[in-house]
């Protein structure tokens, strides 16, 4: 088997992976401290993707958490020790 092909999923594996996830879409507004939508974010673990535009620069971030609601709430704090460049 060619090395680059060993990481490809079969159709069955891909379907299993896709069906194992649930997508949530939220429009985040980091200019607000405690927006109402934070209560709508489920308290479940998962992988999250945040993308935003600042002037002409597009920033993207992917992370993993045990609680989406808590993690997104953390991003609304004015100072984050773990993200000094944000």
PDB file of N, CA and C in Angstrom:
ATOM      1  N   UNK A   1       0.845  -1.178   0.000  1.00  0.00           N
ATOM      2  CA  UNK A   1       0.000   0.000   0.000  1.00  0.00           C
ATOM      3  C   UNK A   1       0.893   1.245   0.000  1.00  0.00           C
ATOM      4  N   UNK A   2       0.486   2.227  -0.784  1.00  0.00           N
ATOM      5  CA  UNK A   2       1.246   3.474  -0.823  1.00  0.00           C
ATOM      6  C   UNK A   2       1.061   4.210   0.498  1.00  0.00           C
ATOM      7  N   UNK A   3       2.147   4.813   0.985  1.00  0.00           N
ATOM      8  CA  UNK A   3       2.121   5.475   2.291  1.00  0.00           C
ATOM      9  C   UNK A   3       1.014   6.519   2.417  1.00  0.00           C
ATOM     10  N   UNK A   4       0.794   7.311   1.387  1.00  0.00           N
ATOM     11  CA  UNK A   4      -0.207   8.375   1.495  1.00  0.00           C
ATOM     12  C   UNK A   4      -1.638   7.831   1.508  1.00  0.00           C
ATOM     13  N   UNK A   5      -1.843   6.599   1.123  1.00  0.00           N
ATOM     14  CA  UNK A   5      -3.186   6.019   1.101  1.00  0.00           C
ATOM     15  C   UNK A   5      -3.571   5.355   2.419  1.00  0.00           C
ATOM     16  N   UNK A   6      -2.602   5.059   3.285  1.00  0.00           N
ATOM     17  CA  UNK A   6      -2.920   4.349   4.511  1.00  0.00           C
ATOM     18  C   UNK A   6      -3.730   5.190   5.487  1.00  0.00           C
ATOM     19  N   UNK A   7      -3.817   6.502   5.262  1.00  0.00           N
ATOM     20  CA  UNK A   7      -4.591   7.364   6.148  1.00  0.00           C
ATOM     21  C   UNK A   7      -5.985   7.668   5.606  1.00  0.00           C
ATOM     22  N   UNK A   8      -6.318   7.179   4.447  1.00  0.00           N
ATOM     23  CA  UNK A   8      -7.633   7.415   3.871  1.00  0.00           C
ATOM     24  C   UNK A   8      -8.648   6.448   4.468  1.00  0.00           C
ATOM     25  N   UNK A   9      -9.822   6.968   4.783  1.00  0.00           N
ATOM     26  CA  UNK A   9     -10.887   6.137   5.337  1.00  0.00           C
ATOM     27  C   UNK A   9     -11.679   5.507   4.201  1.00  0.00           C
ATOM     28  N   UNK A  10     -12.218   4.331   4.467  1.00  0.00           N
ATOM     29  CA  UNK A  10     -13.128   3.724   3.512  1.00  0.00           C
ATOM     30  C   UNK A  10     -14.439   4.491   3.571  1.00  0.00           C
ATOM     31  N   UNK A  11     -15.317   4.255   2.627  1.00  0.00           N
ATOM     32  CA  UNK A  11     -16.624   4.916   2.619  1.00  0.00           C
ATOM     33  C   UNK A  11     -17.375   4.588   3.903  1.00  0.00           C
ATOM     34  N   UNK A  12     -17.312   3.340   4.339  1.00  0.00           N
ATOM     35  CA  UNK A  12     -17.994   2.927   5.563  1.00  0.00           C
ATOM     36  C   UNK A  12     -17.410   3.622   6.791  1.00  0.00           C
ATOM     37  N   UNK A  13     -16.075   3.701   6.862  1.00  0.00           N
ATOM     38  CA  UNK A  13     -15.423   4.382   7.993  1.00  0.00           C
ATOM     39  C   UNK A  13     -15.765   5.874   8.009  1.00  0.00           C
ATOM     40  N   UNK A  14     -15.769   6.493   6.847  1.00  0.00           N
ATOM     41  CA  UNK A  14     -16.100   7.913   6.764  1.00  0.00           C
ATOM     42  C   UNK A  14     -17.531   8.169   7.228  1.00  0.00           C
ATOM     43  N   UNK A  15     -18.455   7.326   6.816  1.00  0.00           N
ATOM     44  CA  UNK A  15     -19.857   7.465   7.236  1.00  0.00           C
ATOM     45  C   UNK A  15     -19.988   7.306   8.753  1.00  0.00           C
ATOM     46  N   UNK A  16     -19.274   6.364   9.332  1.00  0.00           N
ATOM     47  CA  UNK A  16     -19.301   6.164  10.779  1.00  0.00           C
ATOM     48  C   UNK A  16     -18.767   7.396  11.509  1.00  0.00           C
ATOM     49  N   UNK A  17     -17.687   7.960  11.004  1.00  0.00           N
ATOM     50  CA  UNK A  17     -17.100   9.152  11.618  1.00  0.00           C
ATOM     51  C   UNK A  17     -18.070  10.324  11.534  1.00  0.00           C
ATOM     52  N   UNK A  18     -18.609  10.579  10.363  1.00  0.00           N
ATOM     53  CA  UNK A  18     -19.535  11.702  10.178  1.00  0.00           C
ATOM     54  C   UNK A  18     -20.754  11.555  11.077  1.00  0.00           C
ATOM     55  N   UNK A  19     -21.273  10.345  11.207  1.00  0.00           N
ATOM     56  CA  UNK A  19     -22.464  10.119  12.031  1.00  0.00           C
ATOM     57  C   UNK A  19     -22.161  10.131  13.526  1.00  0.00           C
ATOM     58  N   UNK A  20     -20.885  10.161  13.911  1.00  0.00           N
ATOM     59  CA  UNK A  20     -20.504  10.188  15.317  1.00  0.00           C
ATOM     60  C   UNK A  20     -20.476  11.607  15.884  1.00  0.00           C
ATOM     61  N   UNK A  21     -20.595  12.604  15.026  1.00  0.00           N
ATOM     62  CA  UNK A  21     -20.498  13.999  15.454  1.00  0.00           C
ATOM     63  C   UNK A  21     -21.824  14.719  15.279  1.00  0.00           C
ATOM     64  N   UNK A  22     -22.010  15.748  16.082  1.00  0.00           N
ATOM     65  CA  UNK A  22     -23.159  16.629  15.941  1.00  0.00           C
ATOM     66  C   UNK A  22     -22.622  18.046  15.813  1.00  0.00           C
ATOM     67  N   UNK A  23     -23.073  18.754  14.823  1.00  0.00           N
ATOM     68  CA  UNK A  23     -22.579  20.110  14.584  1.00  0.00           C
ATOM     69  C   UNK A  23     -23.480  21.138  15.261  1.00  0.00           C
ATOM     70  N   UNK A  24     -22.851  22.119  15.875  1.00  0.00           N
ATOM     71  CA  UNK A  24     -23.544  23.259  16.468  1.00  0.00           C
ATOM     72  C   UNK A  24     -22.952  24.506  15.818  1.00  0.00           C
ATOM     73  N   UNK A  25     -23.796  25.411  15.410  1.00  0.00           N
ATOM     74  CA  UNK A  25     -23.324  26.650  14.790  1.00  0.00           C
ATOM     75  C   UNK A  25     -23.791  27.839  15.613  1.00  0.00           C
ATOM     76  N   UNK A  26     -22.854  28.653  16.040  1.00  0.00           N
ATOM     77  CA  UNK A  26     -23.158  29.847  16.812  1.00  0.00           C
ATOM     78  C   UNK A  26     -22.372  31.012  16.230  1.00  0.00           C
ATOM     79  N   UNK A  27     -23.004  32.159  16.138  1.00  0.00           N
ATOM     80  CA  UNK A  27     -22.300  33.375  15.740  1.00  0.00           C
ATOM     81  C   UNK A  27     -21.853  34.044  17.030  1.00  0.00           C
ATOM     82  N   UNK A  28     -20.556  34.023  17.279  1.00  0.00           N
ATOM     83  CA  UNK A  28     -20.010  34.532  18.526  1.00  0.00           C
ATOM     84  C   UNK A  28     -19.694  36.020  18.404  1.00  0.00           C
ATOM     85  N   UNK A  29     -19.928  36.752  19.469  1.00  0.00           N
ATOM     86  CA  UNK A  29     -19.624  38.183  19.520  1.00  0.00           C
ATOM     87  C   UNK A  29     -18.744  38.416  20.737  1.00  0.00           C
ATOM     88  N   UNK A  30     -17.433  38.508  20.517  1.00  0.00           N
ATOM     89  CA  UNK A  30     -16.495  38.629  21.623  1.00  0.00           C
ATOM     90  C   UNK A  30     -16.418  40.042  22.200  1.00  0.00           C
ATOM     91  N   UNK A  31     -17.180  40.979  21.620  1.00  0.00           N
ATOM     92  CA  UNK A  31     -17.203  42.328  22.179  1.00  0.00           C
ATOM     93  C   UNK A  31     -18.124  42.417  23.391  1.00  0.00           C
ATOM     94  N   UNK A  32     -18.946  41.396  23.613  1.00  0.00           N
ATOM     95  CA  UNK A  32     -19.851  41.367  24.764  1.00  0.00           C
ATOM     96  C   UNK A  32     -19.293  40.442  25.830  1.00  0.00           C
ATOM     97  N   UNK A  33     -19.378  40.834  27.089  1.00  0.00           N
ATOM     98  CA  UNK A  33     -18.845  40.041  28.197  1.00  0.00           C
ATOM     99  C   UNK A  33     -19.638  38.751  28.426  1.00  0.00           C
ATOM    100  N   UNK A  34     -20.937  38.843  28.646  1.00  0.00           N
ATOM    101  CA  UNK A  34     -21.774  37.675  28.935  1.00  0.00           C
ATOM    102  C   UNK A  34     -23.018  37.674  28.046  1.00  0.00           C
ATOM    103  N   UNK A  35     -22.860  37.398  26.759  1.00  0.00           N
ATOM    104  CA  UNK A  35     -24.023  37.408  25.878  1.00  0.00           C
ATOM    105  C   UNK A  35     -24.992  36.275  26.203  1.00  0.00           C
ATOM    106  N   UNK A  36     -26.261  36.490  25.880  1.00  0.00           N
ATOM    107  CA  UNK A  36     -27.306  35.508  26.162  1.00  0.00           C
ATOM    108  C   UNK A  36     -27.073  34.163  25.479  1.00  0.00           C
ATOM    109  N   UNK A  37     -26.438  34.164  24.325  1.00  0.00           N
ATOM    110  CA  UNK A  37     -26.283  32.908  23.594  1.00  0.00           C
ATOM    111  C   UNK A  37     -25.391  31.896  24.307  1.00  0.00           C
ATOM    112  N   UNK A  38     -24.606  32.332  25.295  1.00  0.00           N
ATOM    113  CA  UNK A  38     -23.756  31.378  26.012  1.00  0.00           C
ATOM    114  C   UNK A  38     -24.582  30.293  26.695  1.00  0.00           C
ATOM    115  N   UNK A  39     -25.790  30.633  27.131  1.00  0.00           N
ATOM    116  CA  UNK A  39     -26.667  29.652  27.778  1.00  0.00           C
ATOM    117  C   UNK A  39     -27.159  28.599  26.798  1.00  0.00           C
ATOM    118  N   UNK A  40     -27.146  28.918  25.514  1.00  0.00           N
ATOM    119  CA  UNK A  40     -27.629  27.994  24.483  1.00  0.00           C
ATOM    120  C   UNK A  40     -26.583  26.966  24.071  1.00  0.00           C
ATOM    121  N   UNK A  41     -25.344  27.225  24.382  1.00  0.00           N
ATOM    122  CA  UNK A  41     -24.268  26.305  24.000  1.00  0.00           C
ATOM    123  C   UNK A  41     -24.331  25.088  24.916  1.00  0.00           C
ATOM    124  N   UNK A  42     -24.359  23.898  24.347  1.00  0.00           N
ATOM    125  CA  UNK A  42     -24.490  22.689  25.167  1.00  0.00           C
ATOM    126  C   UNK A  42     -23.268  22.440  26.051  1.00  0.00           C
ATOM    127  N   UNK A  43     -23.518  21.796  27.166  1.00  0.00           N
ATOM    128  CA  UNK A  43     -22.440  21.429  28.091  1.00  0.00           C
ATOM    129  C   UNK A  43     -21.966  20.019  27.771  1.00  0.00           C
ATOM    130  N   UNK A  44     -21.356  19.880  26.604  1.00  0.00           N
ATOM    131  CA  UNK A  44     -20.847  18.587  26.136  1.00  0.00           C
ATOM    132  C   UNK A  44     -19.401  18.769  25.707  1.00  0.00           C
ATOM    133  N   UNK A  45     -18.675  17.685  25.668  1.00  0.00           N
ATOM    134  CA  UNK A  45     -17.312  17.719  25.184  1.00  0.00           C
ATOM    135  C   UNK A  45     -17.291  17.712  23.669  1.00  0.00           C
ATOM    136  N   UNK A  46     -16.185  18.161  23.107  1.00  0.00           N
ATOM    137  CA  UNK A  46     -16.089  18.110  21.664  1.00  0.00           C
ATOM    138  C   UNK A  46     -14.916  18.891  21.120  1.00  0.00           C
ATOM    139  N   UNK A  47     -14.865  18.919  19.817  1.00  0.00           N
ATOM    140  CA  UNK A  47     -13.867  19.670  19.075  1.00  0.00           C
ATOM    141  C   UNK A  47     -14.570  20.898  18.527  1.00  0.00           C
ATOM    142  N   UNK A  48     -13.909  22.065  18.628  1.00  0.00           N
ATOM    143  CA  UNK A  48     -14.552  23.276  18.152  1.00  0.00           C
ATOM    144  C   UNK A  48     -13.631  24.021  17.195  1.00  0.00           C
ATOM    145  N   UNK A  49     -14.252  24.803  16.333  1.00  0.00           N
ATOM    146  CA  UNK A  49     -13.548  25.578  15.327  1.00  0.00           C
ATOM    147  C   UNK A  49     -14.077  27.002  15.385  1.00  0.00           C
ATOM    148  N   UNK A  50     -13.201  27.953  15.559  1.00  0.00           N
ATOM    149  CA  UNK A  50     -13.583  29.363  15.597  1.00  0.00           C
ATOM    150  C   UNK A  50     -12.827  30.075  14.482  1.00  0.00           C
ATOM    151  N   UNK A  51     -13.550  30.825  13.666  1.00  0.00           N
ATOM    152  CA  UNK A  51     -12.925  31.611  12.610  1.00  0.00           C
ATOM    153  C   UNK A  51     -13.450  33.032  12.709  1.00  0.00           C
ATOM    154  N   UNK A  52     -12.579  33.982  12.479  1.00  0.00           N
ATOM    155  CA  UNK A  52     -12.990  35.375  12.520  1.00  0.00           C
ATOM    156  C   UNK A  52     -12.069  36.238  11.687  1.00  0.00           C
ATOM    157  N   UNK A  53     -12.591  37.385  11.309  1.00  0.00           N
ATOM    158  CA  UNK A  53     -11.813  38.302  10.481  1.00  0.00           C
ATOM    159  C   UNK A  53     -11.534  39.560  11.271  1.00  0.00           C
ATOM    160  N   UNK A  54     -10.288  39.966  11.263  1.00  0.00           N
ATOM    161  CA  UNK A  54      -9.859  41.203  11.884  1.00  0.00           C
ATOM    162  C   UNK A  54      -9.189  42.023  10.783  1.00  0.00           C
ATOM    163  N   UNK A  55      -9.894  43.043  10.289  1.00  0.00           N
ATOM    164  CA  UNK A  55      -9.403  43.834   9.179  1.00  0.00           C
ATOM    165  C   UNK A  55      -9.277  42.911   7.961  1.00  0.00           C
ATOM    166  N   UNK A  56      -8.091  42.748   7.426  1.00  0.00           N
ATOM    167  CA  UNK A  56      -7.906  41.867   6.262  1.00  0.00           C
ATOM    168  C   UNK A  56      -7.381  40.495   6.655  1.00  0.00           C
ATOM    169  N   UNK A  57      -7.147  40.297   7.937  1.00  0.00           N
ATOM    170  CA  UNK A  57      -6.553  39.055   8.417  1.00  0.00           C
ATOM    171  C   UNK A  57      -7.632  38.082   8.897  1.00  0.00           C
ATOM    172  N   UNK A  58      -7.612  36.874   8.389  1.00  0.00           N
ATOM    173  CA  UNK A  58      -8.542  35.830   8.833  1.00  0.00           C
ATOM    174  C   UNK A  58      -7.817  34.953   9.840  1.00  0.00           C
ATOM    175  N   UNK A  59      -8.397  34.794  11.026  1.00  0.00           N
ATOM    176  CA  UNK A  59      -7.815  33.932  12.050  1.00  0.00           C
ATOM    177  C   UNK A  59      -8.711  32.719  12.232  1.00  0.00           C
ATOM    178  N   UNK A  60      -8.106  31.576  12.435  1.00  0.00           N
ATOM    179  CA  UNK A  60      -8.852  30.344  12.681  1.00  0.00           C
ATOM    180  C   UNK A  60      -8.204  29.613  13.849  1.00  0.00           C
ATOM    181  N   UNK A  61      -9.034  28.976  14.640  1.00  0.00           N
ATOM    182  CA  UNK A  61      -8.539  28.234  15.799  1.00  0.00           C
ATOM    183  C   UNK A  61      -9.358  26.960  15.946  1.00  0.00           C
ATOM    184  N   UNK A  62      -8.688  25.869  16.204  1.00  0.00           N
ATOM    185  CA  UNK A  62      -9.339  24.588  16.457  1.00  0.00           C
ATOM    186  C   UNK A  62      -8.897  24.123  17.835  1.00  0.00           C
ATOM    187  N   UNK A  63      -9.852  23.672  18.639  1.00  0.00           N
ATOM    188  CA  UNK A  63      -9.523  23.216  19.977  1.00  0.00           C
ATOM    189  C   UNK A  63     -10.384  22.035  20.383  1.00  0.00           C
ATOM    190  N   UNK A  64     -10.063  21.468  21.505  1.00  0.00           N
ATOM    191  CA  UNK A  64     -10.784  20.322  22.053  1.00  0.00           C
ATOM    192  C   UNK A  64     -11.096  20.635  23.507  1.00  0.00           C
ATOM    193  N   UNK A  65     -12.296  20.279  23.956  1.00  0.00           N
ATOM    194  CA  UNK A  65     -12.694  20.592  25.322  1.00  0.00           C
ATOM    195  C   UNK A  65     -13.623  19.522  25.885  1.00  0.00           C
ATOM    196  N   UNK A  66     -13.725  19.492  27.192  1.00  0.00           N
ATOM    197  CA  UNK A  66     -14.673  18.597  27.858  1.00  0.00           C
ATOM    198  C   UNK A  66     -16.037  19.259  28.034  1.00  0.00           C
ATOM    199  N   UNK A  67     -16.100  20.596  27.889  1.00  0.00           N
ATOM    200  CA  UNK A  67     -17.360  21.323  28.048  1.00  0.00           C
ATOM    201  C   UNK A  67     -17.351  22.541  27.118  1.00  0.00           C
ATOM    202  N   UNK A  68     -18.101  22.452  26.019  1.00  0.00           N
ATOM    203  CA  UNK A  68     -18.139  23.545  25.043  1.00  0.00           C
ATOM    204  C   UNK A  68     -18.610  24.858  25.665  1.00  0.00           C
ATOM    205  N   UNK A  69     -19.650  24.801  26.479  1.00  0.00           N
ATOM    206  CA  UNK A  69     -20.186  26.027  27.064  1.00  0.00           C
ATOM    207  C   UNK A  69     -19.142  26.735  27.926  1.00  0.00           C
ATOM    208  N   UNK A  70     -18.468  25.995  28.768  1.00  0.00           N
ATOM    209  CA  UNK A  70     -17.458  26.586  29.639  1.00  0.00           C
ATOM    210  C   UNK A  70     -16.298  27.161  28.813  1.00  0.00           C
ATOM    211  N   UNK A  71     -15.891  26.430  27.787  1.00  0.00           N
ATOM    212  CA  UNK A  71     -14.746  26.870  26.985  1.00  0.00           C
ATOM    213  C   UNK A  71     -15.061  28.144  26.215  1.00  0.00           C
ATOM    214  N   UNK A  72     -16.233  28.206  25.591  1.00  0.00           N
ATOM    215  CA  UNK A  72     -16.611  29.401  24.835  1.00  0.00           C
ATOM    216  C   UNK A  72     -16.815  30.571  25.792  1.00  0.00           C
ATOM    217  N   UNK A  73     -17.339  30.299  26.981  1.00  0.00           N
ATOM    218  CA  UNK A  73     -17.474  31.347  27.994  1.00  0.00           C
ATOM    219  C   UNK A  73     -16.102  31.882  28.374  1.00  0.00           C
ATOM    220  N   UNK A  74     -15.119  30.998  28.478  1.00  0.00           N
ATOM    221  CA  UNK A  74     -13.746  31.431  28.781  1.00  0.00           C
ATOM    222  C   UNK A  74     -13.234  32.430  27.749  1.00  0.00           C
ATOM    223  N   UNK A  75     -13.588  32.236  26.490  1.00  0.00           N
ATOM    224  CA  UNK A  75     -13.126  33.129  25.435  1.00  0.00           C
ATOM    225  C   UNK A  75     -13.723  34.527  25.553  1.00  0.00           C
ATOM    226  N   UNK A  76     -14.774  34.691  26.338  1.00  0.00           N
ATOM    227  CA  UNK A  76     -15.388  36.002  26.509  1.00  0.00           C
ATOM    228  C   UNK A  76     -14.759  36.803  27.650  1.00  0.00           C
ATOM    229  N   UNK A  77     -13.797  36.241  28.325  1.00  0.00           N
ATOM    230  CA  UNK A  77     -13.094  36.973  29.375  1.00  0.00           C
ATOM    231  C   UNK A  77     -12.098  37.931  28.736  1.00  0.00           C
ATOM    232  N   UNK A  78     -11.865  39.053  29.382  1.00  0.00           N
ATOM    233  CA  UNK A  78     -10.992  40.059  28.781  1.00  0.00           C
ATOM    234  C   UNK A  78      -9.525  39.635  28.780  1.00  0.00           C
ATOM    235  N   UNK A  79      -9.072  38.860  29.753  1.00  0.00           N
ATOM    236  CA  UNK A  79      -7.685  38.421  29.802  1.00  0.00           C
ATOM    237  C   UNK A  79      -7.657  36.902  29.937  1.00  0.00           C
ATOM    238  N   UNK A  80      -6.910  36.268  29.055  1.00  0.00           N
ATOM    239  CA  UNK A  80      -6.778  34.820  29.075  1.00  0.00           C
ATOM    240  C   UNK A  80      -5.303  34.472  29.195  1.00  0.00           C
ATOM    241  N   UNK A  81      -4.946  33.869  30.283  1.00  0.00           N
ATOM    242  CA  UNK A  81      -3.539  33.495  30.508  1.00  0.00           C
ATOM    243  C   UNK A  81      -3.045  32.565  29.400  1.00  0.00           C
ATOM    244  N   UNK A  82      -3.897  31.637  28.976  1.00  0.00           N
ATOM    245  CA  UNK A  82      -3.492  30.632  27.996  1.00  0.00           C
ATOM    246  C   UNK A  82      -3.430  31.181  26.561  1.00  0.00           C
ATOM    247  N   UNK A  83      -3.967  32.373  26.309  1.00  0.00           N
ATOM    248  CA  UNK A  83      -3.969  32.953  24.962  1.00  0.00           C
ATOM    249  C   UNK A  83      -3.513  34.404  24.991  1.00  0.00           C
ATOM    250  N   UNK A  84      -2.270  34.677  25.350  1.00  0.00           N
ATOM    251  CA  UNK A  84      -1.830  36.062  25.510  1.00  0.00           C
ATOM    252  C   UNK A  84      -1.825  36.864  24.214  1.00  0.00           C
ATOM    253  N   UNK A  85      -1.831  36.205  23.067  1.00  0.00           N
ATOM    254  CA  UNK A  85      -1.769  36.930  21.802  1.00  0.00           C
ATOM    255  C   UNK A  85      -3.132  37.178  21.172  1.00  0.00           C
ATOM    256  N   UNK A  86      -4.200  36.700  21.774  1.00  0.00           N
ATOM    257  CA  UNK A  86      -5.537  36.893  21.197  1.00  0.00           C
ATOM    258  C   UNK A  86      -6.031  38.297  21.413  1.00  0.00           C
TER     259      UNK A  86
END
